[in-house]
Amino acid sequence: MRVALAFGARDLANVRFAVSPVQHLLIGLQQDSGAPLPARRWWRAVRSRVPGRVRPLIDLVMANPLYFPDFLTPPMPLDAAGISIADELDVIGAVGADQLQGELARYAELGPVPKPVAQLLDGGASQLRRLLRGLHALYGACLAEDWPDMLKLLNADICMRRGVVGEQGTGRMLAGIHRAFSDPTRFELTLGGIAPGVPERLERTAEAGFVLSPNLFLGGMLSPAIASPWQKPLFAYTASEAVQPPPARVDGLTALIGKGKAAALRAIGTGCTTTELATRLGVSAPAASQHATVLRAGGMITSVRDGQRVVHSLTPLAVGLLAANPV
């Protein structure tokens, strides 16, 4: 399927940028062989940490390889503080019933309605909240630690694009994003059937502008969202290779003993009491004591009573593990 879009002068004067942690998560969940290589690499690195409550979200993402509803990736304008996961979840959670039903109904145009889609249609707001809890859990377990560094790269790409606009104009900036923008007044996109219900020629007479969103998981692709009448066209594009992140780093210590125990082992450092460990980890004293019990049973720390205090110290085994797995 080919869709032709025509942009006018006011459209080009109203190009906005957005960054989206949710967009990265959803692209990363595309596990089929056609998914971008960076997304598949990310998934291989984090899938062992994916919480069970994310299953309904994964089922929805994988329900149909030809279509994904736009309401889960609303365009979020970039501000000085960046966009947080909470910002996006608030916007997604406020989606109107008409938009929710309208976008999910398009699955029927592609074949039998998949079970996770039917559940979302039947469950409405309560099922949507369940998906949002899954998104939040996925972000916390698999992206939160890396997102600040990723955001710096995305912002660097946006600053570079804005510099091109200032020096050479919007047309040159767009041409540098993807070959589809080589003619910024009229260009064609091959959507591959991902936008049921969109006419083959979509003329934009309102000149409302559009949103550009750099992405680190797309691997050279351009991902358009133009089917929804509720929002401006959104084009997720591959961030410049000059600001691509290094390959995903796998923390061997976390893989070996778990995220909480690894954090506790690192927090003990040159030695500390249970109370100090709890403070360093931001957890309760009983939780810190439980971490210490497991680490001691595994031969990674020793614990010596000093009056009313118990002082924990690293064993040679722990020192070697920490040296082999620097933060």
C-alpha atoms as a PDB file:
ATOM      1  CA  MET A   1       0.000   0.000   0.000  1.00  0.00           C
ATOM      2  CA  ARG A   2       1.298   3.456  -0.951  1.00  0.00           C
ATOM      3  CA  VAL A   3       0.036   6.634   0.639  1.00  0.00           C
ATOM      4  CA  ALA A   4       0.869  10.050  -0.828  1.00  0.00           C
ATOM      5  CA  LEU A   5       0.896  13.067   1.462  1.00  0.00           C
ATOM      6  CA  ALA A   6       1.154  16.698   0.440  1.00  0.00           C
ATOM      7  CA  PHE A   7       2.592  19.247   2.881  1.00  0.00           C
ATOM      8  CA  GLY A   8       2.210  22.998   2.581  1.00  0.00           C
ATOM      9  CA  ALA A   9       4.263  25.925   3.848  1.00  0.00           C
ATOM     10  CA  ARG A  10       2.385  26.092   7.156  1.00  0.00           C
ATOM     11  CA  ASP A  11       3.022  22.384   7.739  1.00  0.00           C
ATOM     12  CA  LEU A  12       6.742  22.893   7.267  1.00  0.00           C
ATOM     13  CA  ALA A  13       6.661  25.875   9.621  1.00  0.00           C
ATOM     14  CA  ASN A  14       5.042  23.716  12.309  1.00  0.00           C
ATOM     15  CA  VAL A  15       7.434  20.773  12.495  1.00  0.00           C
ATOM     16  CA  ARG A  16       7.839  19.693  16.120  1.00  0.00           C
ATOM     17  CA  PHE A  17      10.072  17.142  17.795  1.00  0.00           C
ATOM     18  CA  ALA A  18       9.158  14.585  20.437  1.00  0.00           C
ATOM     19  CA  VAL A  19      10.941  11.862  22.365  1.00  0.00           C
ATOM     20  CA  SER A  20       9.196   8.822  23.740  1.00  0.00           C
ATOM     21  CA  PRO A  21      10.249   6.069  26.149  1.00  0.00           C
ATOM     22  CA  VAL A  22       6.970   4.260  25.410  1.00  0.00           C
ATOM     23  CA  GLN A  23       7.709   4.290  21.680  1.00  0.00           C
ATOM     24  CA  HIS A  24      11.075   2.634  22.349  1.00  0.00           C
ATOM     25  CA  LEU A  25       9.451  -0.009  24.562  1.00  0.00           C
ATOM     26  CA  LEU A  26       6.807  -0.894  21.990  1.00  0.00           C
ATOM     27  CA  ILE A  27       9.314  -1.127  19.127  1.00  0.00           C
ATOM     28  CA  GLY A  28      11.542  -3.220  21.387  1.00  0.00           C
ATOM     29  CA  LEU A  29       8.693  -5.670  21.994  1.00  0.00           C
ATOM     30  CA  GLN A  30       8.362  -6.431  18.287  1.00  0.00           C
ATOM     31  CA  GLN A  31       9.999  -9.835  18.426  1.00  0.00           C
ATOM     32  CA  ASP A  32       9.282 -11.157  14.946  1.00  0.00           C
ATOM     33  CA  SER A  33      12.074 -11.574  12.396  1.00  0.00           C
ATOM     34  CA  GLY A  34      11.040  -8.364  10.635  1.00  0.00           C
ATOM     35  CA  ALA A  35      11.722  -6.203  13.677  1.00  0.00           C
ATOM     36  CA  PRO A  36      14.663  -3.763  13.445  1.00  0.00           C
ATOM     37  CA  LEU A  37      17.979  -5.309  14.495  1.00  0.00           C
ATOM     38  CA  PRO A  38      18.613  -2.801  17.355  1.00  0.00           C
ATOM     39  CA  ALA A  39      15.189  -3.648  18.784  1.00  0.00           C
ATOM     40  CA  ARG A  40      15.932  -7.373  18.647  1.00  0.00           C
ATOM     41  CA  ARG A  41      19.300  -6.839  20.345  1.00  0.00           C
ATOM     42  CA  TRP A  42      17.621  -4.865  23.122  1.00  0.00           C
ATOM     43  CA  TRP A  43      15.000  -7.566  23.592  1.00  0.00           C
ATOM     44  CA  ARG A  44      17.615 -10.320  23.857  1.00  0.00           C
ATOM     45  CA  ALA A  45      19.463  -8.310  26.503  1.00  0.00           C
ATOM     46  CA  VAL A  46      16.417  -7.582  28.694  1.00  0.00           C
ATOM     47  CA  ARG A  47      13.879 -10.355  28.163  1.00  0.00           C
ATOM     48  CA  SER A  48      14.988 -12.274  31.247  1.00  0.00           C
ATOM     49  CA  ARG A  49      13.988  -9.244  33.331  1.00  0.00           C
ATOM     50  CA  VAL A  50      10.512  -8.719  31.828  1.00  0.00           C
ATOM     51  CA  PRO A  51       7.851  -8.873  34.589  1.00  0.00           C
ATOM     52  CA  GLY A  52       4.965 -11.301  34.193  1.00  0.00           C
ATOM     53  CA  ARG A  53       2.385  -8.495  34.195  1.00  0.00           C
ATOM     54  CA  VAL A  54       3.744  -7.330  30.822  1.00  0.00           C
ATOM     55  CA  ARG A  55       2.283 -10.400  29.046  1.00  0.00           C
ATOM     56  CA  PRO A  56      -1.029  -8.700  27.987  1.00  0.00           C
ATOM     57  CA  LEU A  57       0.962  -5.834  26.459  1.00  0.00           C
ATOM     58  CA  ILE A  58       3.251  -8.230  24.573  1.00  0.00           C
ATOM     59  CA  ASP A  59       0.207 -10.116  23.290  1.00  0.00           C
ATOM     60  CA  LEU A  60      -1.307  -6.857  22.000  1.00  0.00           C
ATOM     61  CA  VAL A  61       1.923  -5.766  20.293  1.00  0.00           C
ATOM     62  CA  MET A  62       2.268  -9.159  18.613  1.00  0.00           C
ATOM     63  CA  ALA A  63      -1.443  -9.526  17.777  1.00  0.00           C
ATOM     64  CA  ASN A  64      -1.008  -8.475  14.140  1.00  0.00           C
ATOM     65  CA  PRO A  65       2.323  -7.687  12.444  1.00  0.00           C
ATOM     66  CA  LEU A  66       0.572  -5.366   9.958  1.00  0.00           C
ATOM     67  CA  TYR A  67      -1.023  -2.931  12.388  1.00  0.00           C
ATOM     68  CA  PHE A  68      -0.576  -1.303  15.773  1.00  0.00           C
ATOM     69  CA  PRO A  69      -2.977   1.252  17.317  1.00  0.00           C
ATOM     70  CA  ASP A  70      -1.713   4.827  17.523  1.00  0.00           C
ATOM     71  CA  PHE A  71      -3.203   5.674  20.925  1.00  0.00           C
ATOM     72  CA  LEU A  72      -0.318   3.903  22.676  1.00  0.00           C
ATOM     73  CA  THR A  73       2.223   6.254  21.086  1.00  0.00           C
ATOM     74  CA  PRO A  74       0.802   9.778  21.381  1.00  0.00           C
ATOM     75  CA  PRO A  75       3.124  12.537  20.112  1.00  0.00           C
ATOM     76  CA  MET A  76       4.662  14.241  23.136  1.00  0.00           C
ATOM     77  CA  PRO A  77       6.244  17.683  22.571  1.00  0.00           C
ATOM     78  CA  LEU A  78       9.819  17.987  23.779  1.00  0.00           C
ATOM     79  CA  ASP A  79      10.434  20.435  26.610  1.00  0.00           C
ATOM     80  CA  ALA A  80      13.537  21.432  28.535  1.00  0.00           C
ATOM     81  CA  ALA A  81      13.085  18.655  31.087  1.00  0.00           C
ATOM     82  CA  GLY A  82      12.465  15.917  28.543  1.00  0.00           C
ATOM     83  CA  ILE A  83       9.512  13.528  28.582  1.00  0.00           C
ATOM     84  CA  SER A  84       9.012  11.087  31.435  1.00  0.00           C
ATOM     85  CA  ILE A  85       7.235   7.753  31.356  1.00  0.00           C
ATOM     86  CA  ALA A  86       4.639   9.250  33.709  1.00  0.00           C
ATOM     87  CA  ASP A  87       3.852  12.000  31.179  1.00  0.00           C
ATOM     88  CA  GLU A  88       3.142   9.470  28.458  1.00  0.00           C
ATOM     89  CA  LEU A  89       1.162   7.087  30.644  1.00  0.00           C
ATOM     90  CA  ASP A  90      -1.054   9.992  31.768  1.00  0.00           C
ATOM     91  CA  VAL A  91      -1.784  10.918  28.143  1.00  0.00           C
ATOM     92  CA  ILE A  92      -2.430   7.309  27.102  1.00  0.00           C
ATOM     93  CA  GLY A  93      -4.657   6.747  30.119  1.00  0.00           C
ATOM     94  CA  ALA A  94      -6.798   9.730  29.110  1.00  0.00           C
ATOM     95  CA  VAL A  95      -7.539   8.367  25.622  1.00  0.00           C
ATOM     96  CA  GLY A  96     -11.166   8.858  24.641  1.00  0.00           C
ATOM     97  CA  ALA A  97     -13.513   5.919  24.236  1.00  0.00           C
ATOM     98  CA  ASP A  98     -14.180   6.837  20.587  1.00  0.00           C
ATOM     99  CA  GLN A  99     -10.485   6.798  19.708  1.00  0.00           C
ATOM    100  CA  LEU A 100      -9.883   3.562  21.611  1.00  0.00           C
ATOM    101  CA  GLN A 101     -12.794   1.769  19.949  1.00  0.00           C
ATOM    102  CA  GLY A 102     -12.051   3.262  16.525  1.00  0.00           C
ATOM    103  CA  GLU A 103      -8.411   2.212  16.405  1.00  0.00           C
ATOM    104  CA  LEU A 104      -9.030  -1.267  17.802  1.00  0.00           C
ATOM    105  CA  ALA A 105     -11.899  -1.801  15.341  1.00  0.00           C
ATOM    106  CA  ARG A 106      -9.393  -1.590  12.477  1.00  0.00           C
ATOM    107  CA  TYR A 107      -8.074  -5.028  13.427  1.00  0.00           C
ATOM    108  CA  ALA A 108     -11.292  -6.446  11.991  1.00  0.00           C
ATOM    109  CA  GLU A 109     -10.329  -5.052   8.568  1.00  0.00           C
ATOM    110  CA  LEU A 110      -7.231  -7.280   8.587  1.00  0.00           C
ATOM    111  CA  GLY A 111      -8.881 -10.548   9.622  1.00  0.00           C
ATOM    112  CA  PRO A 112     -10.284 -12.153  12.771  1.00  0.00           C
ATOM    113  CA  VAL A 113      -9.971  -9.921  15.825  1.00  0.00           C
ATOM    114  CA  PRO A 114      -7.085 -11.244  17.978  1.00  0.00           C
ATOM    115  CA  LYS A 115      -7.913 -12.287  21.522  1.00  0.00           C
ATOM    116  CA  PRO A 116      -5.909  -9.513  23.293  1.00  0.00           C
ATOM    117  CA  VAL A 117      -7.689  -6.926  21.136  1.00  0.00           C
ATOM    118  CA  ALA A 118     -11.104  -8.389  21.949  1.00  0.00           C
ATOM    119  CA  GLN A 119     -10.202  -8.310  25.645  1.00  0.00           C
ATOM    120  CA  LEU A 120      -9.256  -4.646  25.404  1.00  0.00           C
ATOM    121  CA  LEU A 121     -12.473  -3.863  23.524  1.00  0.00           C
ATOM    122  CA  ASP A 122     -14.555  -5.653  26.149  1.00  0.00           C
ATOM    123  CA  GLY A 123     -12.610  -4.438  29.179  1.00  0.00           C
ATOM    124  CA  GLY A 124     -12.376  -0.798  28.122  1.00  0.00           C
ATOM    125  CA  ALA A 125     -10.842   1.514  30.709  1.00  0.00           C
ATOM    126  CA  SER A 126     -10.045  -1.241  33.241  1.00  0.00           C
ATOM    127  CA  GLN A 127      -8.165  -3.308  30.654  1.00  0.00           C
ATOM    128  CA  LEU A 128      -6.352  -0.186  29.466  1.00  0.00           C
ATOM    129  CA  ARG A 129      -5.186   0.483  33.027  1.00  0.00           C
ATOM    130  CA  ARG A 130      -3.859  -3.073  33.142  1.00  0.00           C
ATOM    131  CA  LEU A 131      -1.826  -2.411  29.998  1.00  0.00           C
ATOM    132  CA  LEU A 132      -0.500   0.829  31.461  1.00  0.00           C
ATOM    133  CA  ARG A 133       0.638  -0.986  34.612  1.00  0.00           C
ATOM    134  CA  GLY A 134       2.449  -3.435  32.362  1.00  0.00           C
ATOM    135  CA  LEU A 135       4.112  -0.599  30.456  1.00  0.00           C
ATOM    136  CA  HIS A 136       5.264   1.019  33.689  1.00  0.00           C
ATOM    137  CA  ALA A 137       6.633  -2.292  34.993  1.00  0.00           C
ATOM    138  CA  LEU A 138       8.442  -2.949  31.706  1.00  0.00           C
ATOM    139  CA  TYR A 139      10.013   0.500  31.771  1.00  0.00           C
ATOM    140  CA  GLY A 140      11.168   0.093  35.374  1.00  0.00           C
ATOM    141  CA  ALA A 141      12.683  -3.343  34.820  1.00  0.00           C
ATOM    142  CA  CYS A 142      14.200  -2.924  31.358  1.00  0.00           C
ATOM    143  CA  LEU A 143      14.646   0.713  30.308  1.00  0.00           C
ATOM    144  CA  ALA A 144      14.672   3.081  33.289  1.00  0.00           C
ATOM    145  CA  GLU A 145      18.365   2.638  34.055  1.00  0.00           C
ATOM    146  CA  ASP A 146      19.394   3.402  30.453  1.00  0.00           C
ATOM    147  CA  TRP A 147      16.804   6.053  29.589  1.00  0.00           C
ATOM    148  CA  PRO A 148      18.726   9.107  30.944  1.00  0.00           C
ATOM    149  CA  ASP A 149      21.689   8.285  28.676  1.00  0.00           C
ATOM    150  CA  MET A 150      19.383   7.482  25.768  1.00  0.00           C
ATOM    151  CA  LEU A 151      17.582  10.794  26.273  1.00  0.00           C
ATOM    152  CA  LYS A 152      20.896  12.638  25.966  1.00  0.00           C
ATOM    153  CA  LEU A 153      21.503  10.953  22.606  1.00  0.00           C
ATOM    154  CA  LEU A 154      17.996  11.726  21.377  1.00  0.00           C
ATOM    155  CA  ASN A 155      18.276  15.354  22.433  1.00  0.00           C
ATOM    156  CA  ALA A 156      21.660  15.576  20.695  1.00  0.00           C
ATOM    157  CA  ASP A 157      20.034  14.364  17.483  1.00  0.00           C
ATOM    158  CA  ILE A 158      17.250  16.943  17.819  1.00  0.00           C
ATOM    159  CA  CYS A 159      19.746  19.746  18.446  1.00  0.00           C
ATOM    160  CA  MET A 160      21.641  18.693  15.328  1.00  0.00           C
ATOM    161  CA  ARG A 161      18.436  18.713  13.236  1.00  0.00           C
ATOM    162  CA  ARG A 162      17.469  22.135  14.541  1.00  0.00           C
ATOM    163  CA  GLY A 163      20.913  23.420  13.646  1.00  0.00           C
ATOM    164  CA  VAL A 164      20.402  22.247  10.073  1.00  0.00           C
ATOM    165  CA  VAL A 165      17.049  24.064   9.969  1.00  0.00           C
ATOM    166  CA  GLY A 166      18.718  27.282  11.093  1.00  0.00           C
ATOM    167  CA  GLU A 167      21.565  27.020   8.588  1.00  0.00           C
ATOM    168  CA  GLN A 168      19.999  25.323   5.567  1.00  0.00           C
ATOM    169  CA  GLY A 169      16.228  25.244   6.066  1.00  0.00           C
ATOM    170  CA  THR A 170      13.533  22.720   6.963  1.00  0.00           C
ATOM    171  CA  GLY A 171      13.681  20.974   3.586  1.00  0.00           C
ATOM    172  CA  ARG A 172      17.343  20.057   3.979  1.00  0.00           C
ATOM    173  CA  MET A 173      16.738  18.870   7.535  1.00  0.00           C
ATOM    174  CA  LEU A 174      13.915  16.583   6.414  1.00  0.00           C
ATOM    175  CA  ALA A 175      15.955  15.199   3.515  1.00  0.00           C
ATOM    176  CA  GLY A 176      18.629  14.179   6.034  1.00  0.00           C
ATOM    177  CA  ILE A 177      16.138  12.172   8.084  1.00  0.00           C
ATOM    178  CA  HIS A 178      14.944   9.711   5.423  1.00  0.00           C
ATOM    179  CA  ARG A 179      14.779   9.425   1.648  1.00  0.00           C
ATOM    180  CA  ALA A 180      10.972   9.651   1.858  1.00  0.00           C
ATOM    181  CA  PHE A 181      11.438  13.345   2.689  1.00  0.00           C
ATOM    182  CA  SER A 182      13.603  14.094  -0.348  1.00  0.00           C
ATOM    183  CA  ASP A 183      10.759  16.257  -1.695  1.00  0.00           C
ATOM    184  CA  PRO A 184       9.357  17.989   1.401  1.00  0.00           C
ATOM    185  CA  THR A 185       6.283  19.323  -0.447  1.00  0.00           C
ATOM    186  CA  ARG A 186       5.082  15.924  -1.673  1.00  0.00           C
ATOM    187  CA  PHE A 187       6.461  12.547  -0.801  1.00  0.00           C
ATOM    188  CA  GLU A 188       5.253   8.956  -0.818  1.00  0.00           C
ATOM    189  CA  LEU A 189       5.522   6.345   1.900  1.00  0.00           C
ATOM    190  CA  THR A 190       5.180   2.589   1.585  1.00  0.00           C
ATOM    191  CA  LEU A 191       3.124   1.646   4.618  1.00  0.00           C
ATOM    192  CA  GLY A 192       3.010  -2.095   3.987  1.00  0.00           C
ATOM    193  CA  GLY A 193      -0.611  -2.384   5.101  1.00  0.00           C
ATOM    194  CA  ILE A 194      -0.060  -1.021   8.606  1.00  0.00           C
ATOM    195  CA  ALA A 195      -2.732   1.663   8.308  1.00  0.00           C
ATOM    196  CA  PRO A 196      -6.097   0.140   7.409  1.00  0.00           C
ATOM    197  CA  GLY A 197      -8.718   2.704   6.501  1.00  0.00           C
ATOM    198  CA  VAL A 198      -6.277   5.312   5.185  1.00  0.00           C
ATOM    199  CA  PRO A 199      -7.062   6.454   1.610  1.00  0.00           C
ATOM    200  CA  GLU A 200      -4.397   5.839  -1.015  1.00  0.00           C
ATOM    201  CA  ARG A 201      -3.972   9.592  -1.471  1.00  0.00           C
ATOM    202  CA  LEU A 202      -4.207  11.618   1.721  1.00  0.00           C
ATOM    203  CA  GLU A 203      -4.266  15.360   1.033  1.00  0.00           C
ATOM    204  CA  ARG A 204      -3.543  17.539   4.059  1.00  0.00           C
ATOM    205  CA  THR A 205      -5.504  20.720   3.540  1.00  0.00           C
ATOM    206  CA  ALA A 206      -5.599  21.826   7.182  1.00  0.00           C
ATOM    207  CA  GLU A 207      -1.807  22.325   7.233  1.00  0.00           C
ATOM    208  CA  ALA A 208      -1.600  21.360  10.887  1.00  0.00           C
ATOM    209  CA  GLY A 209       2.074  20.388  10.840  1.00  0.00           C
ATOM    210  CA  PHE A 210       3.582  17.102  11.978  1.00  0.00           C
ATOM    211  CA  VAL A 211       5.790  15.584  14.664  1.00  0.00           C
ATOM    212  CA  LEU A 212       9.239  14.020  14.282  1.00  0.00           C
ATOM    213  CA  SER A 213      10.494  11.576  16.895  1.00  0.00           C
ATOM    214  CA  PRO A 214      14.094  10.231  16.880  1.00  0.00           C
ATOM    215  CA  ASN A 215      14.421   6.604  17.887  1.00  0.00           C
ATOM    216  CA  LEU A 216      17.424   4.452  18.758  1.00  0.00           C
ATOM    217  CA  PHE A 217      15.756   1.113  17.981  1.00  0.00           C
ATOM    218  CA  LEU A 218      14.598   1.606  14.367  1.00  0.00           C
ATOM    219  CA  GLY A 219      17.760   0.584  12.515  1.00  0.00           C
ATOM    220  CA  GLY A 220      17.377   2.857   9.482  1.00  0.00           C
ATOM    221  CA  MET A 221      13.604   2.636   9.253  1.00  0.00           C
ATOM    222  CA  LEU A 222      10.980   5.392   9.237  1.00  0.00           C
ATOM    223  CA  SER A 223       7.825   4.515  11.189  1.00  0.00           C
ATOM    224  CA  PRO A 224       4.796   6.699  10.359  1.00  0.00           C
ATOM    225  CA  ALA A 225       1.580   7.038  12.326  1.00  0.00           C
ATOM    226  CA  ILE A 226      -0.868   8.840  10.067  1.00  0.00           C
ATOM    227  CA  ALA A 227      -4.060   6.815  10.374  1.00  0.00           C
ATOM    228  CA  SER A 228      -5.528   8.527  13.416  1.00  0.00           C
ATOM    229  CA  PRO A 229      -7.749  11.592  12.988  1.00  0.00           C
ATOM    230  CA  TRP A 230      -7.173  12.438  16.654  1.00  0.00           C
ATOM    231  CA  GLN A 231      -3.572  13.559  16.347  1.00  0.00           C
ATOM    232  CA  LYS A 232      -1.011  15.107  14.030  1.00  0.00           C
ATOM    233  CA  PRO A 233       0.971  12.774  11.774  1.00  0.00           C
ATOM    234  CA  LEU A 234       3.907  11.340  13.717  1.00  0.00           C
ATOM    235  CA  PHE A 235       7.092  10.082  12.059  1.00  0.00           C
ATOM    236  CA  ALA A 236       9.454   8.071  14.230  1.00  0.00           C
ATOM    237  CA  TYR A 237      12.826   8.122  12.506  1.00  0.00           C
ATOM    238  CA  THR A 238      16.213   6.543  13.099  1.00  0.00           C
ATOM    239  CA  ALA A 239      18.458   8.816  15.144  1.00  0.00           C
ATOM    240  CA  SER A 240      21.698   9.850  13.471  1.00  0.00           C
ATOM    241  CA  GLU A 241      24.441   7.222  13.493  1.00  0.00           C
ATOM    242  CA  ALA A 242      26.691   9.856  15.044  1.00  0.00           C
ATOM    243  CA  VAL A 243      24.663   9.624  18.251  1.00  0.00           C
ATOM    244  CA  GLN A 244      23.868   5.907  18.287  1.00  0.00           C
ATOM    245  CA  PRO A 245      24.231   4.235  21.715  1.00  0.00           C
ATOM    246  CA  PRO A 246      26.809   1.509  22.374  1.00  0.00           C
ATOM    247  CA  PRO A 247      25.542  -2.080  22.281  1.00  0.00           C
ATOM    248  CA  ALA A 248      23.378  -3.006  25.238  1.00  0.00           C
ATOM    249  CA  ARG A 249      25.519  -3.867  28.247  1.00  0.00           C
ATOM    250  CA  VAL A 250      24.617  -6.997  30.149  1.00  0.00           C
ATOM    251  CA  ASP A 251      25.372  -6.836  33.865  1.00  0.00           C
ATOM    252  CA  GLY A 252      26.735 -10.274  34.635  1.00  0.00           C
ATOM    253  CA  LEU A 253      26.401  -9.786  38.391  1.00  0.00           C
ATOM    254  CA  THR A 254      22.701  -8.930  38.102  1.00  0.00           C
ATOM    255  CA  ALA A 255      22.181 -11.905  35.799  1.00  0.00           C
ATOM    256  CA  LEU A 256      23.888 -14.135  38.363  1.00  0.00           C
ATOM    257  CA  ILE A 257      22.295 -13.069  41.652  1.00  0.00           C
ATOM    258  CA  GLY A 258      19.486 -10.691  40.738  1.00  0.00           C
ATOM    259  CA  LYS A 259      19.150  -6.909  40.622  1.00  0.00           C
ATOM    260  CA  GLY A 260      18.457  -6.393  44.341  1.00  0.00           C
ATOM    261  CA  LYS A 261      21.259  -8.616  45.617  1.00  0.00           C
ATOM    262  CA  ALA A 262      23.721  -7.116  43.122  1.00  0.00           C
ATOM    263  CA  ALA A 263      22.830  -3.620  44.312  1.00  0.00           C
ATOM    264  CA  ALA A 264      23.270  -4.706  47.931  1.00  0.00           C
ATOM    265  CA  LEU A 265      26.660  -6.273  47.248  1.00  0.00           C
ATOM    266  CA  ARG A 266      27.861  -3.098  45.556  1.00  0.00           C
ATOM    267  CA  ALA A 267      26.426  -0.936  48.329  1.00  0.00           C
ATOM    268  CA  ILE A 268      28.336  -2.813  51.046  1.00  0.00           C
ATOM    269  CA  GLY A 269      31.607  -1.663  49.498  1.00  0.00           C
ATOM    270  CA  THR A 270      34.328  -1.430  52.124  1.00  0.00           C
ATOM    271  CA  GLY A 271      31.887  -2.501  54.824  1.00  0.00           C
ATOM    272  CA  CYS A 272      28.730  -1.264  56.501  1.00  0.00           C
ATOM    273  CA  THR A 273      26.071  -2.088  59.066  1.00  0.00           C
ATOM    274  CA  THR A 274      22.584  -3.306  58.239  1.00  0.00           C
ATOM    275  CA  THR A 275      21.185   0.153  58.985  1.00  0.00           C
ATOM    276  CA  GLU A 276      23.737   1.785  56.690  1.00  0.00           C
ATOM    277  CA  LEU A 277      22.987  -0.756  53.975  1.00  0.00           C
ATOM    278  CA  ALA A 278      19.273   0.011  54.221  1.00  0.00           C
ATOM    279  CA  THR A 279      20.002   3.738  53.875  1.00  0.00           C
ATOM    280  CA  ARG A 280      22.272   3.242  50.866  1.00  0.00           C
ATOM    281  CA  LEU A 281      19.688   1.073  49.112  1.00  0.00           C
ATOM    282  CA  GLY A 282      16.671   3.137  50.128  1.00  0.00           C
ATOM    283  CA  VAL A 283      14.911   0.088  51.593  1.00  0.00           C
ATOM    284  CA  SER A 284      13.695  -0.974  55.025  1.00  0.00           C
ATOM    285  CA  ALA A 285      16.064  -2.487  57.592  1.00  0.00           C
ATOM    286  CA  PRO A 286      14.349  -5.927  57.369  1.00  0.00           C
ATOM    287  CA  ALA A 287      14.769  -5.890  53.584  1.00  0.00           C
ATOM    288  CA  ALA A 288      18.457  -5.006  53.925  1.00  0.00           C
ATOM    289  CA  SER A 289      18.861  -7.777  56.490  1.00  0.00           C
ATOM    290  CA  GLN A 290      17.276 -10.271  54.085  1.00  0.00           C
ATOM    291  CA  HIS A 291      19.689  -9.242  51.315  1.00  0.00           C
ATOM    292  CA  ALA A 292      22.604  -9.709  53.720  1.00  0.00           C
ATOM    293  CA  THR A 293      21.340 -13.155  54.770  1.00  0.00           C
ATOM    294  CA  VAL A 294      21.241 -14.395  51.175  1.00  0.00           C
ATOM    295  CA  LEU A 295      24.641 -12.891  50.315  1.00  0.00           C
ATOM    296  CA  ARG A 296      26.166 -14.430  53.429  1.00  0.00           C
ATOM    297  CA  ALA A 297      24.686 -17.846  52.568  1.00  0.00           C
ATOM    298  CA  GLY A 298      26.255 -17.547  49.116  1.00  0.00           C
ATOM    299  CA  GLY A 299      29.703 -16.888  50.560  1.00  0.00           C
ATOM    300  CA  MET A 300      29.858 -13.313  49.286  1.00  0.00           C
ATOM    301  CA  ILE A 301      29.923 -11.460  52.625  1.00  0.00           C
ATOM    302  CA  THR A 302      30.822 -12.084  56.236  1.00  0.00           C
ATOM    303  CA  SER A 303      28.878 -10.536  59.103  1.00  0.00           C
ATOM    304  CA  VAL A 304      30.447  -9.759  62.489  1.00  0.00           C
ATOM    305  CA  ARG A 305      28.564  -8.440  65.525  1.00  0.00           C
ATOM    306  CA  ASP A 306      30.043  -5.321  67.104  1.00  0.00           C
ATOM    307  CA  GLY A 307      27.985  -4.505  70.185  1.00  0.00           C
ATOM    308  CA  GLN A 308      24.477  -3.685  69.010  1.00  0.00           C
ATOM    309  CA  ARG A 309      25.607  -3.528  65.386  1.00  0.00           C
ATOM    310  CA  VAL A 310      26.262  -6.151  62.730  1.00  0.00           C
ATOM    311  CA  VAL A 311      29.005  -5.149  60.284  1.00  0.00           C
ATOM    312  CA  HIS A 312      29.032  -6.728  56.828  1.00  0.00           C
ATOM    313  CA  SER A 313      32.220  -7.129  54.748  1.00  0.00           C
ATOM    314  CA  LEU A 314      32.966  -8.519  51.313  1.00  0.00           C
ATOM    315  CA  THR A 315      34.676 -11.877  50.904  1.00  0.00           C
ATOM    316  CA  PRO A 316      37.390 -12.482  48.282  1.00  0.00           C
ATOM    317  CA  LEU A 317      34.698 -14.146  46.125  1.00  0.00           C
ATOM    318  CA  ALA A 318      32.584 -10.944  46.161  1.00  0.00           C
ATOM    319  CA  VAL A 319      35.605  -8.753  45.470  1.00  0.00           C
ATOM    320  CA  GLY A 320      36.370 -10.854  42.394  1.00  0.00           C
ATOM    321  CA  LEU A 321      32.763 -10.739  41.192  1.00  0.00           C
ATOM    322  CA  LEU A 322      32.623  -6.954  41.544  1.00  0.00           C
ATOM    323  CA  ALA A 323      35.946  -6.530  39.751  1.00  0.00           C
ATOM    324  CA  ALA A 324      34.700  -8.663  36.859  1.00  0.00           C
ATOM    325  CA  ASN A 325      31.398  -6.773  36.640  1.00  0.00           C
ATOM    326  CA  PRO A 326      32.065  -3.027  37.067  1.00  0.00           C
ATOM    327  CA  VAL A 327      29.089  -0.695  37.069  1.00  0.00           C
END
